[in-house]
Amino acid sequence: MLEVKSLCKRYRGLPAIDNVSFRVGAGEIVGYVGPNGSGKSTTVKIVTGLLEANDGQVLFEGKSIRNNLQAYRAAFGYVPEEAHVYTHLSGLEYLQLVGRLRNMSEALIDLKANRLLSLLGLESWRHSPISLYSKGMKQRILISASLLHDPKLLIFDEPLSGLDVVSARLFKDLLQALAAQGKAILYISHVLEVVELICNRVIVIARGRILADAAPSELKTSLKLANLESVFAQLVQQQDTQSVARELVETMAVHHA
């Protein structure tokens, strides 16, 4: 459904991503993980049409998204890493705005918005301004907005940020249900335990290049490691965090130079 082919993006001649390629098929949940500065955000901005690559292309259902960007944007739902919402609007008003921008009928917007707010525990807050919402509540509004128009492709960037334990569990169950309905899901996260639990495949990126693209079990088996966190640390050559932690504590204890 979604195919990323040989993407390259350079800033002042320096590559942010270099020859990035991967696919997300219908019914798949694909994790996209990497350290800070690895190229995840650049990839997401290109995939969502917010940024244009220097080289390569993004295909949706076999066609370049640049051929008809408006139609492509109507086919996906997106939860960004930062919860930028119009805080003077109520939760219901925000979903109504999103629905109208999606050219949905008023009756359908009213039906789906109210049901989504109820199912995500926001019914009693639906007429309150979003400025009064907690971070987790804002995140649930963004999730509702991404689902409102029944998209074929869903892109979630750190979607668990701010969610409480119950909401996070509901969201994980939601991902499985969406995949069962044939939705293609690109899941960007630093929470590797969740990625390992729910994703069919995991793509690891570092320094702008794809280092691995396989099922979590295959990655663990091939590298003879116990969990995805260990796989990630080895692939990206992560520093010895225990040693650094000890040195930080030792530095704290210094009182005389």
C-alpha atoms as a PDB file:
ATOM      1  CA  MET A   1       0.000   0.000   0.000  1.00  0.00           C
ATOM      2  CA  LEU A   2       2.724   2.486   1.040  1.00  0.00           C
ATOM      3  CA  GLU A   3       6.118   2.187  -0.622  1.00  0.00           C
ATOM      4  CA  VAL A   4       9.110   4.391   0.110  1.00  0.00           C
ATOM      5  CA  LYS A   5      11.733   4.140  -2.635  1.00  0.00           C
ATOM      6  CA  SER A   6      15.335   5.351  -2.330  1.00  0.00           C
ATOM      7  CA  LEU A   7      14.513   8.532  -0.424  1.00  0.00           C
ATOM      8  CA  CYS A   8      17.305  11.049   0.054  1.00  0.00           C
ATOM      9  CA  LYS A   9      17.050  14.401   1.779  1.00  0.00           C
ATOM     10  CA  ARG A  10      19.965  16.787   2.199  1.00  0.00           C
ATOM     11  CA  TYR A  11      20.285  19.976   4.205  1.00  0.00           C
ATOM     12  CA  ARG A  12      23.153  22.226   3.083  1.00  0.00           C
ATOM     13  CA  GLY A  13      24.644  19.237   1.337  1.00  0.00           C
ATOM     14  CA  LEU A  14      24.536  16.995   4.403  1.00  0.00           C
ATOM     15  CA  PRO A  15      22.267  13.909   4.207  1.00  0.00           C
ATOM     16  CA  ALA A  16      19.441  13.668   6.751  1.00  0.00           C
ATOM     17  CA  ILE A  17      18.319  10.407   5.137  1.00  0.00           C
ATOM     18  CA  ASP A  18      20.192   8.455   2.476  1.00  0.00           C
ATOM     19  CA  ASN A  19      18.633   5.819   0.213  1.00  0.00           C
ATOM     20  CA  VAL A  20      15.782   4.954   2.582  1.00  0.00           C
ATOM     21  CA  SER A  21      13.413   2.293   1.219  1.00  0.00           C
ATOM     22  CA  PHE A  22      10.658   0.240   2.844  1.00  0.00           C
ATOM     23  CA  ARG A  23       7.066  -0.956   2.382  1.00  0.00           C
ATOM     24  CA  VAL A  24       3.984  -1.025   4.591  1.00  0.00           C
ATOM     25  CA  GLY A  25       1.330  -3.398   3.331  1.00  0.00           C
ATOM     26  CA  ALA A  26      -2.387  -3.595   4.083  1.00  0.00           C
ATOM     27  CA  GLY A  27      -2.933  -5.209   7.485  1.00  0.00           C
ATOM     28  CA  GLU A  28       0.660  -4.597   8.593  1.00  0.00           C
ATOM     29  CA  ILE A  29       1.924  -2.708  11.632  1.00  0.00           C
ATOM     30  CA  VAL A  30       5.470  -1.623  10.835  1.00  0.00           C
ATOM     31  CA  GLY A  31       7.652  -0.089  13.532  1.00  0.00           C
ATOM     32  CA  TYR A  32      10.098   2.650  12.568  1.00  0.00           C
ATOM     33  CA  VAL A  33      12.720   3.176  15.254  1.00  0.00           C
ATOM     34  CA  GLY A  34      16.026   4.953  15.645  1.00  0.00           C
ATOM     35  CA  PRO A  35      17.988   7.229  17.971  1.00  0.00           C
ATOM     36  CA  ASN A  36      17.437  10.988  18.057  1.00  0.00           C
ATOM     37  CA  GLY A  37      18.703  12.582  14.853  1.00  0.00           C
ATOM     38  CA  SER A  38      18.548   9.306  12.931  1.00  0.00           C
ATOM     39  CA  GLY A  39      16.217  10.577  10.194  1.00  0.00           C
ATOM     40  CA  LYS A  40      12.843   9.383  11.509  1.00  0.00           C
ATOM     41  CA  SER A  41      11.237  12.827  11.554  1.00  0.00           C
ATOM     42  CA  THR A  42      12.554  13.686   8.097  1.00  0.00           C
ATOM     43  CA  THR A  43      11.133  10.426   6.747  1.00  0.00           C
ATOM     44  CA  VAL A  44       7.737  11.082   8.329  1.00  0.00           C
ATOM     45  CA  LYS A  45       7.589  14.631   6.956  1.00  0.00           C
ATOM     46  CA  ILE A  46       8.277  13.317   3.447  1.00  0.00           C
ATOM     47  CA  VAL A  47       5.793  10.431   3.782  1.00  0.00           C
ATOM     48  CA  THR A  48       3.055  12.822   4.965  1.00  0.00           C
ATOM     49  CA  GLY A  49       3.769  15.239   2.119  1.00  0.00           C
ATOM     50  CA  LEU A  50       5.016  18.031   4.389  1.00  0.00           C
ATOM     51  CA  LEU A  51       8.497  17.900   2.890  1.00  0.00           C
ATOM     52  CA  GLU A  52       9.806  17.021  -0.552  1.00  0.00           C
ATOM     53  CA  ALA A  53      12.757  14.672  -0.995  1.00  0.00           C
ATOM     54  CA  ASN A  54      15.812  15.546  -3.045  1.00  0.00           C
ATOM     55  CA  ASP A  55      15.747  12.074  -4.578  1.00  0.00           C
ATOM     56  CA  GLY A  56      13.472   9.040  -4.497  1.00  0.00           C
ATOM     57  CA  GLN A  57       9.713   8.867  -4.199  1.00  0.00           C
ATOM     58  CA  VAL A  58       6.805   7.798  -2.014  1.00  0.00           C
ATOM     59  CA  LEU A  59       4.149   5.602  -3.633  1.00  0.00           C
ATOM     60  CA  PHE A  60       0.656   4.981  -2.323  1.00  0.00           C
ATOM     61  CA  GLU A  61      -1.253   2.163  -3.991  1.00  0.00           C
ATOM     62  CA  GLY A  62       1.351   2.197  -6.739  1.00  0.00           C
ATOM     63  CA  LYS A  63       1.166   5.914  -7.570  1.00  0.00           C
ATOM     64  CA  SER A  64       3.448   8.765  -6.552  1.00  0.00           C
ATOM     65  CA  ILE A  65       1.860  10.819  -3.785  1.00  0.00           C
ATOM     66  CA  ARG A  66       3.055  13.944  -5.622  1.00  0.00           C
ATOM     67  CA  ASN A  67       0.699  13.204  -8.531  1.00  0.00           C
ATOM     68  CA  ASN A  68      -2.290  14.098  -6.349  1.00  0.00           C
ATOM     69  CA  LEU A  69      -1.204  15.169  -2.888  1.00  0.00           C
ATOM     70  CA  GLN A  70      -4.708  16.232  -1.877  1.00  0.00           C
ATOM     71  CA  ALA A  71      -6.198  12.813  -2.641  1.00  0.00           C
ATOM     72  CA  TYR A  72      -3.329  11.094  -0.821  1.00  0.00           C
ATOM     73  CA  ARG A  73      -3.805  13.221   2.301  1.00  0.00           C
ATOM     74  CA  ALA A  74      -7.475  12.273   2.292  1.00  0.00           C
ATOM     75  CA  ALA A  75      -6.462   8.611   2.458  1.00  0.00           C
ATOM     76  CA  PHE A  76      -4.292   8.678   5.575  1.00  0.00           C
ATOM     77  CA  GLY A  77      -4.652   9.585   9.237  1.00  0.00           C
ATOM     78  CA  TYR A  78      -1.751  11.101  11.144  1.00  0.00           C
ATOM     79  CA  VAL A  79      -0.951  11.561  14.822  1.00  0.00           C
ATOM     80  CA  PRO A  80       2.108  13.848  15.021  1.00  0.00           C
ATOM     81  CA  GLU A  81       4.712  13.701  17.760  1.00  0.00           C
ATOM     82  CA  GLU A  82       3.728  17.131  19.089  1.00  0.00           C
ATOM     83  CA  ALA A  83       0.067  17.760  19.954  1.00  0.00           C
ATOM     84  CA  HIS A  84      -0.521  20.992  18.019  1.00  0.00           C
ATOM     85  CA  VAL A  85      -4.251  21.688  18.279  1.00  0.00           C
ATOM     86  CA  TYR A  86      -6.468  24.779  18.350  1.00  0.00           C
ATOM     87  CA  THR A  87      -6.759  25.048  22.121  1.00  0.00           C
ATOM     88  CA  HIS A  88      -9.585  27.630  22.028  1.00  0.00           C
ATOM     89  CA  LEU A  89     -11.850  24.995  20.455  1.00  0.00           C
ATOM     90  CA  SER A  90     -13.617  22.300  22.420  1.00  0.00           C
ATOM     91  CA  GLY A  91     -12.823  18.664  21.669  1.00  0.00           C
ATOM     92  CA  LEU A  92     -16.071  18.325  19.713  1.00  0.00           C
ATOM     93  CA  GLU A  93     -15.461  21.550  17.785  1.00  0.00           C
ATOM     94  CA  TYR A  94     -11.980  20.387  16.848  1.00  0.00           C
ATOM     95  CA  LEU A  95     -13.290  17.102  15.458  1.00  0.00           C
ATOM     96  CA  GLN A  96     -16.041  18.981  13.630  1.00  0.00           C
ATOM     97  CA  LEU A  97     -13.385  21.200  12.027  1.00  0.00           C
ATOM     98  CA  VAL A  98     -11.347  18.166  10.974  1.00  0.00           C
ATOM     99  CA  GLY A  99     -14.446  16.471   9.557  1.00  0.00           C
ATOM    100  CA  ARG A 100     -15.393  19.530   7.525  1.00  0.00           C
ATOM    101  CA  LEU A 101     -11.868  19.800   6.154  1.00  0.00           C
ATOM    102  CA  ARG A 102     -12.278  16.148   5.142  1.00  0.00           C
ATOM    103  CA  ASN A 103     -15.540  17.054   3.332  1.00  0.00           C
ATOM    104  CA  MET A 104     -17.627  14.798   5.550  1.00  0.00           C
ATOM    105  CA  SER A 105     -21.349  15.483   5.974  1.00  0.00           C
ATOM    106  CA  GLU A 106     -22.468  17.248   9.150  1.00  0.00           C
ATOM    107  CA  ALA A 107     -24.614  14.283  10.194  1.00  0.00           C
ATOM    108  CA  LEU A 108     -21.701  11.858   9.793  1.00  0.00           C
ATOM    109  CA  ILE A 109     -19.319  14.189  11.637  1.00  0.00           C
ATOM    110  CA  ASP A 110     -21.754  14.515  14.547  1.00  0.00           C
ATOM    111  CA  LEU A 111     -22.293  10.760  14.758  1.00  0.00           C
ATOM    112  CA  LYS A 112     -18.647   9.720  14.550  1.00  0.00           C
ATOM    113  CA  ALA A 113     -17.148  12.572  16.589  1.00  0.00           C
ATOM    114  CA  ASN A 114     -19.455  11.968  19.536  1.00  0.00           C
ATOM    115  CA  ARG A 115     -18.931   8.219  19.426  1.00  0.00           C
ATOM    116  CA  LEU A 116     -15.145   8.572  19.251  1.00  0.00           C
ATOM    117  CA  LEU A 117     -15.110  11.028  22.151  1.00  0.00           C
ATOM    118  CA  SER A 118     -17.264   8.676  24.205  1.00  0.00           C
ATOM    119  CA  LEU A 119     -15.171   5.591  23.412  1.00  0.00           C
ATOM    120  CA  LEU A 120     -11.945   7.416  24.281  1.00  0.00           C
ATOM    121  CA  GLY A 121     -13.272   8.679  27.609  1.00  0.00           C
ATOM    122  CA  LEU A 122     -13.749  12.318  26.599  1.00  0.00           C
ATOM    123  CA  GLU A 123     -17.540  12.557  26.462  1.00  0.00           C
ATOM    124  CA  SER A 124     -17.839  14.712  29.606  1.00  0.00           C
ATOM    125  CA  TRP A 125     -15.138  17.039  28.255  1.00  0.00           C
ATOM    126  CA  ARG A 126     -16.446  17.375  24.706  1.00  0.00           C
ATOM    127  CA  HIS A 127     -17.692  20.963  25.193  1.00  0.00           C
ATOM    128  CA  SER A 128     -14.671  22.096  27.249  1.00  0.00           C
ATOM    129  CA  PRO A 129     -11.855  24.052  25.548  1.00  0.00           C
ATOM    130  CA  ILE A 130      -8.815  21.935  24.699  1.00  0.00           C
ATOM    131  CA  SER A 131      -6.705  24.418  26.672  1.00  0.00           C
ATOM    132  CA  LEU A 132      -8.081  22.697  29.796  1.00  0.00           C
ATOM    133  CA  TYR A 133      -7.133  19.212  28.576  1.00  0.00           C
ATOM    134  CA  SER A 134      -4.174  17.267  29.929  1.00  0.00           C
ATOM    135  CA  LYS A 135      -1.436  16.086  27.563  1.00  0.00           C
ATOM    136  CA  GLY A 136      -2.987  12.620  27.425  1.00  0.00           C
ATOM    137  CA  MET A 137      -6.432  14.044  26.652  1.00  0.00           C
ATOM    138  CA  LYS A 138      -4.994  16.103  23.793  1.00  0.00           C
ATOM    139  CA  GLN A 139      -3.357  12.947  22.508  1.00  0.00           C
ATOM    140  CA  ARG A 140      -6.729  11.155  22.537  1.00  0.00           C
ATOM    141  CA  ILE A 141      -8.230  14.037  20.543  1.00  0.00           C
ATOM    142  CA  LEU A 142      -5.475  13.645  17.934  1.00  0.00           C
ATOM    143  CA  ILE A 143      -6.094   9.894  17.777  1.00  0.00           C
ATOM    144  CA  SER A 144      -9.827  10.555  17.312  1.00  0.00           C
ATOM    145  CA  ALA A 145      -9.089  13.034  14.513  1.00  0.00           C
ATOM    146  CA  SER A 146      -6.851  10.512  12.734  1.00  0.00           C
ATOM    147  CA  LEU A 147      -9.625   7.883  12.753  1.00  0.00           C
ATOM    148  CA  LEU A 148     -12.574  10.134  11.908  1.00  0.00           C
ATOM    149  CA  HIS A 149     -12.517   9.679   8.111  1.00  0.00           C
ATOM    150  CA  ASP A 150     -11.756   5.915   8.109  1.00  0.00           C
ATOM    151  CA  PRO A 151      -8.343   6.180   6.377  1.00  0.00           C
ATOM    152  CA  LYS A 152      -6.547   3.313   4.641  1.00  0.00           C
ATOM    153  CA  LEU A 153      -3.139   4.321   6.008  1.00  0.00           C
ATOM    154  CA  LEU A 154      -2.354   5.442   9.567  1.00  0.00           C
ATOM    155  CA  ILE A 155       0.879   7.114  10.646  1.00  0.00           C
ATOM    156  CA  PHE A 156       1.427   7.289  14.398  1.00  0.00           C
ATOM    157  CA  ASP A 157       4.432   9.251  15.697  1.00  0.00           C
ATOM    158  CA  GLU A 158       4.978   8.556  19.427  1.00  0.00           C
ATOM    159  CA  PRO A 159       1.220   8.030  19.920  1.00  0.00           C
ATOM    160  CA  LEU A 160       1.512   6.813  23.528  1.00  0.00           C
ATOM    161  CA  SER A 161       2.995  10.103  24.710  1.00  0.00           C
ATOM    162  CA  GLY A 162       1.033  11.293  27.744  1.00  0.00           C
ATOM    163  CA  LEU A 163      -1.438   8.399  27.749  1.00  0.00           C
ATOM    164  CA  ASP A 164      -2.248   6.709  31.036  1.00  0.00           C
ATOM    165  CA  VAL A 165      -1.944   2.941  31.440  1.00  0.00           C
ATOM    166  CA  VAL A 166      -5.578   2.203  30.527  1.00  0.00           C
ATOM    167  CA  SER A 167      -5.531   4.482  27.454  1.00  0.00           C
ATOM    168  CA  ALA A 168      -2.205   3.024  26.311  1.00  0.00           C
ATOM    169  CA  ARG A 169      -3.571  -0.502  26.570  1.00  0.00           C
ATOM    170  CA  LEU A 170      -6.693   0.514  24.642  1.00  0.00           C
ATOM    171  CA  PHE A 171      -4.520   2.050  21.939  1.00  0.00           C
ATOM    172  CA  LYS A 172      -2.446  -1.121  21.576  1.00  0.00           C
ATOM    173  CA  ASP A 173      -5.644  -3.154  21.208  1.00  0.00           C
ATOM    174  CA  LEU A 174      -6.892  -0.566  18.702  1.00  0.00           C
ATOM    175  CA  LEU A 175      -3.785  -1.034  16.552  1.00  0.00           C
ATOM    176  CA  GLN A 176      -4.416  -4.766  16.353  1.00  0.00           C
ATOM    177  CA  ALA A 177      -8.068  -4.190  15.451  1.00  0.00           C
ATOM    178  CA  LEU A 178      -7.141  -1.659  12.743  1.00  0.00           C
ATOM    179  CA  ALA A 179      -4.617  -4.047  11.216  1.00  0.00           C
ATOM    180  CA  ALA A 180      -7.249  -6.802  11.234  1.00  0.00           C
ATOM    181  CA  GLN A 181      -9.453  -4.458   9.175  1.00  0.00           C
ATOM    182  CA  GLY A 182      -6.682  -4.178   6.540  1.00  0.00           C
ATOM    183  CA  LYS A 183      -5.317  -0.785   7.538  1.00  0.00           C
ATOM    184  CA  ALA A 184      -1.630  -0.130   6.850  1.00  0.00           C
ATOM    185  CA  ILE A 185       0.081   1.296   9.947  1.00  0.00           C
ATOM    186  CA  LEU A 186       3.458   3.010  10.257  1.00  0.00           C
ATOM    187  CA  TYR A 187       4.327   3.226  13.948  1.00  0.00           C
ATOM    188  CA  ILE A 188       7.160   5.506  15.071  1.00  0.00           C
ATOM    189  CA  SER A 189       8.200   5.143  18.698  1.00  0.00           C
ATOM    190  CA  HIS A 190      11.026   5.016  21.232  1.00  0.00           C
ATOM    191  CA  VAL A 191       9.073   2.572  23.407  1.00  0.00           C
ATOM    192  CA  LEU A 192      10.724  -0.582  22.101  1.00  0.00           C
ATOM    193  CA  GLU A 193       8.803  -2.955  24.383  1.00  0.00           C
ATOM    194  CA  VAL A 194       5.554  -1.880  22.683  1.00  0.00           C
ATOM    195  CA  VAL A 195       7.130  -2.012  19.219  1.00  0.00           C
ATOM    196  CA  GLU A 196       8.316  -5.556  19.886  1.00  0.00           C
ATOM    197  CA  LEU A 197       4.874  -6.558  21.154  1.00  0.00           C
ATOM    198  CA  ILE A 198       2.644  -5.179  18.402  1.00  0.00           C
ATOM    199  CA  CYS A 199       4.665  -4.737  15.195  1.00  0.00           C
ATOM    200  CA  ASN A 200       4.845  -7.311  12.405  1.00  0.00           C
ATOM    201  CA  ARG A 201       8.110  -5.794  11.207  1.00  0.00           C
ATOM    202  CA  VAL A 202      10.612  -3.347  12.622  1.00  0.00           C
ATOM    203  CA  ILE A 203      12.735  -0.946  10.596  1.00  0.00           C
ATOM    204  CA  VAL A 204      15.829   0.374  12.371  1.00  0.00           C
ATOM    205  CA  ILE A 205      17.351   3.614  11.061  1.00  0.00           C
ATOM    206  CA  ALA A 206      20.513   5.368  12.253  1.00  0.00           C
ATOM    207  CA  ARG A 207      22.524   8.221  10.750  1.00  0.00           C
ATOM    208  CA  GLY A 208      19.998   8.422   7.927  1.00  0.00           C
ATOM    209  CA  ARG A 209      20.363   4.833   6.717  1.00  0.00           C
ATOM    210  CA  ILE A 210      18.240   1.721   7.189  1.00  0.00           C
ATOM    211  CA  LEU A 211      20.163  -0.850   9.239  1.00  0.00           C
ATOM    212  CA  ALA A 212      17.514  -3.564   9.517  1.00  0.00           C
ATOM    213  CA  ASP A 213      14.030  -4.427   8.309  1.00  0.00           C
ATOM    214  CA  ALA A 214      12.609  -7.671   9.692  1.00  0.00           C
ATOM    215  CA  ALA A 215      10.203  -9.190  12.179  1.00  0.00           C
ATOM    216  CA  PRO A 216      11.259  -8.639  15.824  1.00  0.00           C
ATOM    217  CA  SER A 217      11.708 -12.393  16.314  1.00  0.00           C
ATOM    218  CA  GLU A 218      14.000 -12.604  13.267  1.00  0.00           C
ATOM    219  CA  LEU A 219      16.142  -9.727  14.506  1.00  0.00           C
ATOM    220  CA  LYS A 220      16.506 -11.312  17.950  1.00  0.00           C
ATOM    221  CA  THR A 221      17.353 -14.726  16.469  1.00  0.00           C
ATOM    222  CA  SER A 222      19.879 -13.450  13.928  1.00  0.00           C
ATOM    223  CA  LEU A 223      21.755 -11.380  16.507  1.00  0.00           C
ATOM    224  CA  LYS A 224      21.282 -13.929  19.335  1.00  0.00           C
ATOM    225  CA  LEU A 225      19.847 -11.312  21.665  1.00  0.00           C
ATOM    226  CA  ALA A 226      17.009 -11.533  24.178  1.00  0.00           C
ATOM    227  CA  ASN A 227      14.923  -8.492  23.281  1.00  0.00           C
ATOM    228  CA  LEU A 228      14.448  -5.703  20.765  1.00  0.00           C
ATOM    229  CA  GLU A 229      16.077  -3.151  23.059  1.00  0.00           C
ATOM    230  CA  SER A 230      19.341  -5.137  22.952  1.00  0.00           C
ATOM    231  CA  VAL A 231      19.035  -5.531  19.179  1.00  0.00           C
ATOM    232  CA  PHE A 232      18.526  -1.792  18.809  1.00  0.00           C
ATOM    233  CA  ALA A 233      21.519  -0.955  21.018  1.00  0.00           C
ATOM    234  CA  GLN A 234      23.802  -3.264  19.015  1.00  0.00           C
ATOM    235  CA  LEU A 235      22.622  -2.106  15.605  1.00  0.00           C
ATOM    236  CA  VAL A 236      22.989   1.602  16.333  1.00  0.00           C
ATOM    237  CA  GLN A 237      26.186   1.028  18.334  1.00  0.00           C
ATOM    238  CA  GLN A 238      24.664   2.688  21.342  1.00  0.00           C
ATOM    239  CA  GLN A 239      27.034   3.774  24.069  1.00  0.00           C
ATOM    240  CA  ASP A 240      27.486   1.723  27.235  1.00  0.00           C
ATOM    241  CA  THR A 241      24.722   3.436  29.187  1.00  0.00           C
ATOM    242  CA  GLN A 242      25.599   1.753  32.493  1.00  0.00           C
ATOM    243  CA  SER A 243      29.165   3.092  32.366  1.00  0.00           C
ATOM    244  CA  VAL A 244      27.954   6.565  31.460  1.00  0.00           C
ATOM    245  CA  ALA A 245      25.421   6.454  34.312  1.00  0.00           C
ATOM    246  CA  ARG A 246      28.178   5.555  36.789  1.00  0.00           C
ATOM    247  CA  GLU A 247      30.352   8.410  35.493  1.00  0.00           C
ATOM    248  CA  LEU A 248      27.450  10.844  35.873  1.00  0.00           C
ATOM    249  CA  VAL A 249      27.004   9.822  39.507  1.00  0.00           C
ATOM    250  CA  GLU A 250      30.762  10.117  40.085  1.00  0.00           C
ATOM    251  CA  THR A 251      30.737  13.598  38.548  1.00  0.00           C
ATOM    252  CA  MET A 252      27.895  14.616  40.854  1.00  0.00           C
ATOM    253  CA  ALA A 253      30.001  13.591  43.856  1.00  0.00           C
ATOM    254  CA  VAL A 254      32.917  15.891  42.926  1.00  0.00           C
ATOM    255  CA  HIS A 255      32.971  18.909  45.288  1.00  0.00           C
ATOM    256  CA  HIS A 256      36.456  20.339  44.764  1.00  0.00           C
ATOM    257  CA  ALA A 257      38.323  21.117  41.556  1.00  0.00           C
END
